[in-house]
PDB file of all heavy atoms in Angstrom:
ATOM      1  N   ARG A   1     -62.488 -59.949 -53.540  1.00  0.00           N
ATOM      2  CA  ARG A   1     -61.122 -59.972 -53.139  1.00  0.00           C
ATOM      3  C   ARG A   1     -60.925 -59.858 -51.604  1.00  0.00           C
ATOM      4  O   ARG A   1     -59.828 -59.824 -51.109  1.00  0.00           O
ATOM      5  CB  ARG A   1     -60.340 -58.840 -53.805  1.00  0.00           C
ATOM      6  CG  ARG A   1     -60.282 -58.896 -55.314  1.00  0.00           C
ATOM      7  CD  ARG A   1     -59.614 -57.713 -55.877  1.00  0.00           C
ATOM      8  NE  ARG A   1     -59.647 -57.664 -57.324  1.00  0.00           N
ATOM      9  CZ  ARG A   1     -58.693 -58.256 -58.077  1.00  0.00           C
ATOM     10  NH1 ARG A   1     -57.660 -58.844 -57.460  1.00  0.00           N
ATOM     11  NH2 ARG A   1     -58.803 -58.183 -59.404  1.00  0.00           N
ATOM     12  N   GLY A   2     -62.070 -59.723 -50.880  1.00  0.00           N
ATOM     13  CA  GLY A   2     -61.951 -59.534 -49.455  1.00  0.00           C
ATOM     14  C   GLY A   2     -61.925 -58.096 -49.123  1.00  0.00           C
ATOM     15  O   GLY A   2     -62.128 -57.198 -49.950  1.00  0.00           O
ATOM     16  N   ALA A   3     -61.656 -57.758 -47.836  1.00  0.00           N
ATOM     17  CA  ALA A   3     -61.672 -56.392 -47.400  1.00  0.00           C
ATOM     18  C   ALA A   3     -60.546 -55.564 -47.936  1.00  0.00           C
ATOM     19  O   ALA A   3     -59.442 -56.075 -48.145  1.00  0.00           O
ATOM     20  CB  ALA A   3     -61.649 -56.379 -45.821  1.00  0.00           C
ATOM     21  N   ILE A   4     -60.758 -54.323 -48.075  1.00  0.00           N
ATOM     22  CA  ILE A   4     -59.738 -53.395 -48.548  1.00  0.00           C
ATOM     23  C   ILE A   4     -58.794 -53.103 -47.369  1.00  0.00           C
ATOM     24  O   ILE A   4     -59.209 -53.209 -46.166  1.00  0.00           O
ATOM     25  CB  ILE A   4     -60.359 -52.086 -49.073  1.00  0.00           C
ATOM     26  CG1 ILE A   4     -59.297 -51.222 -49.777  1.00  0.00           C
ATOM     27  CG2 ILE A   4     -61.080 -51.281 -47.959  1.00  0.00           C
ATOM     28  CD1 ILE A   4     -59.889 -50.061 -50.479  1.00  0.00           C
ATOM     29  N   ARG A   5     -57.593 -52.756 -47.697  1.00  0.00           N
ATOM     30  CA  ARG A   5     -56.559 -52.522 -46.637  1.00  0.00           C
ATOM     31  C   ARG A   5     -56.943 -51.509 -45.571  1.00  0.00           C
ATOM     32  O   ARG A   5     -56.997 -51.764 -44.395  1.00  0.00           O
ATOM     33  CB  ARG A   5     -55.244 -52.020 -47.266  1.00  0.00           C
ATOM     34  CG  ARG A   5     -55.438 -50.911 -48.233  1.00  0.00           C
ATOM     35  CD  ARG A   5     -54.145 -50.550 -48.985  1.00  0.00           C
ATOM     36  NE  ARG A   5     -53.178 -49.895 -48.110  1.00  0.00           N
ATOM     37  CZ  ARG A   5     -53.249 -48.707 -47.666  1.00  0.00           C
ATOM     38  NH1 ARG A   5     -54.299 -47.951 -47.927  1.00  0.00           N
ATOM     39  NH2 ARG A   5     -52.296 -48.194 -46.904  1.00  0.00           N
ATOM     40  N   ASN A   6     -57.306 -50.262 -46.025  1.00  0.00           N
ATOM     41  CA  ASN A   6     -57.696 -49.201 -45.110  1.00  0.00           C
ATOM     42  C   ASN A   6     -58.657 -48.294 -45.824  1.00  0.00           C
ATOM     43  O   ASN A   6     -58.242 -47.590 -46.733  1.00  0.00           O
ATOM     44  CB  ASN A   6     -56.513 -48.389 -44.690  1.00  0.00           C
ATOM     45  CG  ASN A   6     -55.721 -48.973 -43.520  1.00  0.00           C
ATOM     46  OD1 ASN A   6     -56.312 -49.517 -42.617  1.00  0.00           O
ATOM     47  ND2 ASN A   6     -54.404 -49.036 -43.670  1.00  0.00           N
ATOM     48  N   PRO A   7     -59.960 -48.218 -45.392  1.00  0.00           N
ATOM     49  CA  PRO A   7     -60.819 -47.229 -45.967  1.00  0.00           C
ATOM     50  C   PRO A   7     -60.275 -45.825 -45.602  1.00  0.00           C
ATOM     51  O   PRO A   7     -59.568 -45.680 -44.678  1.00  0.00           O
ATOM     52  CB  PRO A   7     -62.172 -47.481 -45.322  1.00  0.00           C
ATOM     53  CG  PRO A   7     -62.060 -48.853 -44.741  1.00  0.00           C
ATOM     54  CD  PRO A   7     -60.598 -49.055 -44.473  1.00  0.00           C
ATOM     55  N   ILE A   8     -60.629 -44.791 -46.434  1.00  0.00           N
ATOM     56  CA  ILE A   8     -60.173 -43.464 -46.141  1.00  0.00           C
ATOM     57  C   ILE A   8     -60.859 -43.047 -44.787  1.00  0.00           C
ATOM     58  O   ILE A   8     -62.050 -43.203 -44.618  1.00  0.00           O
ATOM     59  CB  ILE A   8     -60.682 -42.505 -47.219  1.00  0.00           C
ATOM     60  CG1 ILE A   8     -59.919 -42.810 -48.564  1.00  0.00           C
ATOM     61  CG2 ILE A   8     -60.425 -41.051 -46.903  1.00  0.00           C
ATOM     62  CD1 ILE A   8     -58.458 -42.589 -48.564  1.00  0.00           C
ATOM     63  N   PRO A   9     -60.014 -42.540 -43.869  1.00  0.00           N
ATOM     64  CA  PRO A   9     -60.556 -42.102 -42.569  1.00  0.00           C
ATOM     65  C   PRO A   9     -61.662 -41.020 -42.760  1.00  0.00           C
ATOM     66  O   PRO A   9     -61.542 -40.192 -43.688  1.00  0.00           O
ATOM     67  CB  PRO A   9     -59.392 -41.495 -41.836  1.00  0.00           C
ATOM     68  CG  PRO A   9     -58.149 -42.132 -42.455  1.00  0.00           C
ATOM     69  CD  PRO A   9     -58.595 -42.361 -43.896  1.00  0.00           C
ATOM     70  N   PRO A  10     -62.674 -40.993 -41.887  1.00  0.00           N
ATOM     71  CA  PRO A  10     -63.818 -40.088 -42.081  1.00  0.00           C
ATOM     72  C   PRO A  10     -63.313 -38.603 -42.170  1.00  0.00           C
ATOM     73  O   PRO A  10     -63.897 -37.797 -42.925  1.00  0.00           O
ATOM     74  CB  PRO A  10     -64.585 -40.283 -40.765  1.00  0.00           C
ATOM     75  CG  PRO A  10     -64.360 -41.701 -40.466  1.00  0.00           C
ATOM     76  CD  PRO A  10     -62.905 -41.915 -40.801  1.00  0.00           C
ATOM     77  N   ALA A  11     -62.250 -38.228 -41.448  1.00  0.00           N
ATOM     78  CA  ALA A  11     -61.764 -36.830 -41.452  1.00  0.00           C
ATOM     79  C   ALA A  11     -61.272 -36.430 -42.823  1.00  0.00           C
ATOM     80  O   ALA A  11     -61.239 -35.244 -43.184  1.00  0.00           O
ATOM     81  CB  ALA A  11     -60.703 -36.596 -40.421  1.00  0.00           C
ATOM     82  N   GLN A  12     -60.839 -37.425 -43.635  1.00  0.00           N
ATOM     83  CA  GLN A  12     -60.269 -37.123 -44.987  1.00  0.00           C
ATOM     84  C   GLN A  12     -61.245 -37.254 -46.124  1.00  0.00           C
ATOM     85  O   GLN A  12     -60.963 -37.062 -47.258  1.00  0.00           O
ATOM     86  CB  GLN A  12     -59.046 -38.005 -45.249  1.00  0.00           C
ATOM     87  CG  GLN A  12     -57.925 -37.817 -44.207  1.00  0.00           C
ATOM     88  CD  GLN A  12     -56.741 -38.732 -44.598  1.00  0.00           C
ATOM     89  OE1 GLN A  12     -56.622 -39.242 -45.663  1.00  0.00           O
ATOM     90  NE2 GLN A  12     -55.949 -39.011 -43.572  1.00  0.00           N
ATOM     91  N   GLN A  13     -62.457 -37.689 -45.756  1.00  0.00           N
ATOM     92  CA  GLN A  13     -63.431 -38.020 -46.797  1.00  0.00           C
ATOM     93  C   GLN A  13     -64.193 -36.784 -47.240  1.00  0.00           C
ATOM     94  O   GLN A  13     -64.494 -35.852 -46.463  1.00  0.00           O
ATOM     95  CB  GLN A  13     -64.480 -39.020 -46.319  1.00  0.00           C
ATOM     96  CG  GLN A  13     -63.859 -40.414 -46.112  1.00  0.00           C
ATOM     97  CD  GLN A  13     -64.981 -41.372 -45.631  1.00  0.00           C
ATOM     98  OE1 GLN A  13     -66.188 -41.094 -45.837  1.00  0.00           O
ATOM     99  NE2 GLN A  13     -64.574 -42.454 -45.028  1.00  0.00           N
ATOM    100  N   GLN A  14     -64.559 -36.761 -48.511  1.00  0.00           N
ATOM    101  CA  GLN A  14     -65.555 -35.946 -49.043  1.00  0.00           C
ATOM    102  C   GLN A  14     -66.680 -36.812 -49.447  1.00  0.00           C
ATOM    103  O   GLN A  14     -66.363 -37.926 -49.910  1.00  0.00           O
ATOM    104  CB  GLN A  14     -65.058 -35.085 -50.200  1.00  0.00           C
ATOM    105  CG  GLN A  14     -63.979 -34.186 -49.858  1.00  0.00           C
ATOM    106  CD  GLN A  14     -63.443 -33.384 -51.060  1.00  0.00           C
ATOM    107  OE1 GLN A  14     -64.061 -33.505 -52.150  1.00  0.00           O
ATOM    108  NE2 GLN A  14     -62.375 -32.731 -50.938  1.00  0.00           N
ATOM    109  N   GLN A  15     -67.892 -36.400 -49.356  1.00  0.00           N
ATOM    110  CA  GLN A  15     -68.982 -37.306 -49.741  1.00  0.00           C
ATOM    111  C   GLN A  15     -68.928 -37.566 -51.244  1.00  0.00           C
ATOM    112  O   GLN A  15     -68.731 -36.637 -52.027  1.00  0.00           O
ATOM    113  CB  GLN A  15     -70.328 -36.661 -49.351  1.00  0.00           C
ATOM    114  CG  GLN A  15     -70.571 -36.578 -47.861  1.00  0.00           C
ATOM    115  CD  GLN A  15     -70.590 -37.970 -47.232  1.00  0.00           C
ATOM    116  OE1 GLN A  15     -71.193 -38.852 -47.810  1.00  0.00           O
ATOM    117  NE2 GLN A  15     -69.938 -38.108 -46.084  1.00  0.00           N
ATOM    118  N   PRO A  16     -69.099 -38.797 -51.685  1.00  0.00           N
ATOM    119  CA  PRO A  16     -69.092 -39.118 -53.155  1.00  0.00           C
ATOM    120  C   PRO A  16     -70.224 -38.374 -53.824  1.00  0.00           C
ATOM    121  O   PRO A  16     -71.309 -38.130 -53.242  1.00  0.00           O
ATOM    122  CB  PRO A  16     -69.312 -40.630 -53.159  1.00  0.00           C
ATOM    123  CG  PRO A  16     -69.967 -40.990 -51.878  1.00  0.00           C
ATOM    124  CD  PRO A  16     -69.451 -40.024 -50.886  1.00  0.00           C
ATOM    125  N   VAL A  17     -70.001 -38.054 -55.055  1.00  0.00           N
ATOM    126  CA  VAL A  17     -71.011 -37.347 -55.845  1.00  0.00           C
ATOM    127  C   VAL A  17     -71.875 -38.437 -56.537  1.00  0.00           C
ATOM    128  O   VAL A  17     -71.396 -39.136 -57.377  1.00  0.00           O
ATOM    129  CB  VAL A  17     -70.374 -36.445 -56.924  1.00  0.00           C
ATOM    130  CG1 VAL A  17     -71.379 -35.726 -57.761  1.00  0.00           C
ATOM    131  CG2 VAL A  17     -69.437 -35.413 -56.257  1.00  0.00           C
ATOM    132  N   ALA A  18     -73.077 -38.480 -56.141  1.00  0.00           N
ATOM    133  CA  ALA A  18     -74.005 -39.491 -56.720  1.00  0.00           C
ATOM    134  C   ALA A  18     -74.599 -39.035 -58.007  1.00  0.00           C
ATOM    135  O   ALA A  18     -75.059 -37.859 -58.055  1.00  0.00           O
ATOM    136  CB  ALA A  18     -75.088 -39.880 -55.713  1.00  0.00           C
ATOM    137  N   PRO A  19     -74.691 -39.858 -59.035  1.00  0.00           N
ATOM    138  CA  PRO A  19     -75.356 -39.450 -60.279  1.00  0.00           C
ATOM    139  C   PRO A  19     -76.793 -39.169 -60.024  1.00  0.00           C
ATOM    140  O   PRO A  19     -77.411 -39.786 -59.158  1.00  0.00           O
ATOM    141  CB  PRO A  19     -75.178 -40.674 -61.195  1.00  0.00           C
ATOM    142  CG  PRO A  19     -74.030 -41.457 -60.601  1.00  0.00           C
ATOM    143  CD  PRO A  19     -74.126 -41.212 -59.142  1.00  0.00           C
ATOM    144  N   GLY A  20     -77.374 -38.203 -60.667  1.00  0.00           N
ATOM    145  CA  GLY A  20     -78.805 -37.980 -60.575  1.00  0.00           C
ATOM    146  C   GLY A  20     -79.248 -36.556 -60.639  1.00  0.00           C
ATOM    147  O   GLY A  20     -79.927 -36.161 -61.542  1.00  0.00           O
ATOM    148  N   PRO A  21     -78.765 -35.643 -59.709  1.00  0.00           N
ATOM    149  CA  PRO A  21     -79.251 -34.292 -59.684  1.00  0.00           C
ATOM    150  C   PRO A  21     -78.916 -33.553 -60.965  1.00  0.00           C
ATOM    151  O   PRO A  21     -77.851 -33.781 -61.539  1.00  0.00           O
ATOM    152  CB  PRO A  21     -78.517 -33.671 -58.475  1.00  0.00           C
ATOM    153  CG  PRO A  21     -78.125 -34.827 -57.621  1.00  0.00           C
ATOM    154  CD  PRO A  21     -77.870 -35.957 -58.530  1.00  0.00           C
ATOM    155  N   ALA A  22     -79.842 -32.753 -61.433  1.00  0.00           N
ATOM    156  CA  ALA A  22     -79.603 -31.989 -62.637  1.00  0.00           C
ATOM    157  C   ALA A  22     -78.457 -31.017 -62.447  1.00  0.00           C
ATOM    158  O   ALA A  22     -78.190 -30.519 -61.351  1.00  0.00           O
ATOM    159  CB  ALA A  22     -80.881 -31.232 -63.013  1.00  0.00           C
ATOM    160  N   ARG A  23     -77.765 -30.788 -63.521  1.00  0.00           N
ATOM    161  CA  ARG A  23     -76.648 -29.810 -63.476  1.00  0.00           C
ATOM    162  C   ARG A  23     -77.143 -28.470 -63.074  1.00  0.00           C
ATOM    163  O   ARG A  23     -78.130 -27.966 -63.568  1.00  0.00           O
ATOM    164  CB  ARG A  23     -76.010 -29.696 -64.869  1.00  0.00           C
ATOM    165  CG  ARG A  23     -74.568 -29.176 -64.784  1.00  0.00           C
ATOM    166  CD  ARG A  23     -73.890 -29.446 -66.093  1.00  0.00           C
ATOM    167  NE  ARG A  23     -72.502 -29.017 -66.037  1.00  0.00           N
ATOM    168  CZ  ARG A  23     -71.500 -29.678 -65.472  1.00  0.00           C
ATOM    169  NH1 ARG A  23     -71.787 -30.844 -64.940  1.00  0.00           N
ATOM    170  NH2 ARG A  23     -70.254 -29.247 -65.445  1.00  0.00           N
ATOM    171  N   GLY A  24     -76.482 -27.809 -62.128  1.00  0.00           N
ATOM    172  CA  GLY A  24     -76.925 -26.520 -61.675  1.00  0.00           C
ATOM    173  C   GLY A  24     -77.537 -26.674 -60.266  1.00  0.00           C
ATOM    174  O   GLY A  24     -77.490 -25.659 -59.500  1.00  0.00           O
ATOM    175  N   SER A  25     -78.038 -27.836 -59.870  1.00  0.00           N
ATOM    176  CA  SER A  25     -78.591 -28.027 -58.521  1.00  0.00           C
ATOM    177  C   SER A  25     -77.505 -28.679 -57.659  1.00  0.00           C
ATOM    178  O   SER A  25     -77.515 -29.808 -57.371  1.00  0.00           O
ATOM    179  CB  SER A  25     -79.861 -28.904 -58.532  1.00  0.00           C
ATOM    180  OG  SER A  25     -79.487 -30.165 -59.123  1.00  0.00           O
ATOM    181  N   HIS A  26     -76.473 -27.819 -57.286  1.00  0.00           N
ATOM    182  CA  HIS A  26     -75.294 -28.366 -56.608  1.00  0.00           C
ATOM    183  C   HIS A  26     -75.606 -28.840 -55.179  1.00  0.00           C
ATOM    184  O   HIS A  26     -76.389 -28.242 -54.465  1.00  0.00           O
ATOM    185  CB  HIS A  26     -74.245 -27.231 -56.452  1.00  0.00           C
ATOM    186  CG  HIS A  26     -73.531 -27.070 -57.756  1.00  0.00           C
ATOM    187  ND1 HIS A  26     -72.731 -28.044 -58.348  1.00  0.00           N
ATOM    188  CD2 HIS A  26     -73.393 -25.981 -58.604  1.00  0.00           C
ATOM    189  CE1 HIS A  26     -72.162 -27.624 -59.425  1.00  0.00           C
ATOM    190  NE2 HIS A  26     -72.555 -26.350 -59.652  1.00  0.00           N
ATOM    191  N   GLN A  27     -75.084 -29.949 -54.879  1.00  0.00           N
ATOM    192  CA  GLN A  27     -75.124 -30.494 -53.538  1.00  0.00           C
ATOM    193  C   GLN A  27     -73.820 -30.159 -52.893  1.00  0.00           C
ATOM    194  O   GLN A  27     -72.848 -29.819 -53.576  1.00  0.00           O
ATOM    195  CB  GLN A  27     -75.364 -32.043 -53.552  1.00  0.00           C
ATOM    196  CG  GLN A  27     -76.587 -32.440 -54.266  1.00  0.00           C
ATOM    197  CD  GLN A  27     -77.829 -31.988 -53.523  1.00  0.00           C
ATOM    198  OE1 GLN A  27     -77.876 -31.989 -52.313  1.00  0.00           O
ATOM    199  NE2 GLN A  27     -78.843 -31.552 -54.294  1.00  0.00           N
ATOM    200  N   PRO A  28     -73.673 -30.263 -51.519  1.00  0.00           N
ATOM    201  CA  PRO A  28     -72.373 -29.912 -50.868  1.00  0.00           C
ATOM    202  C   PRO A  28     -71.242 -30.682 -51.486  1.00  0.00           C
ATOM    203  O   PRO A  28     -70.137 -30.191 -51.614  1.00  0.00           O
ATOM    204  CB  PRO A  28     -72.664 -30.347 -49.383  1.00  0.00           C
ATOM    205  CG  PRO A  28     -74.109 -30.133 -49.242  1.00  0.00           C
ATOM    206  CD  PRO A  28     -74.707 -30.530 -50.543  1.00  0.00           C
TER     207      PRO A  28
END
């Protein structure tokens, strides 16, 4: 569909939670 209107500015972002780490081994 082309580029998105406005990505979330870096100051408002939280890092996405990537699938993989076992439950209990919390990342930031």
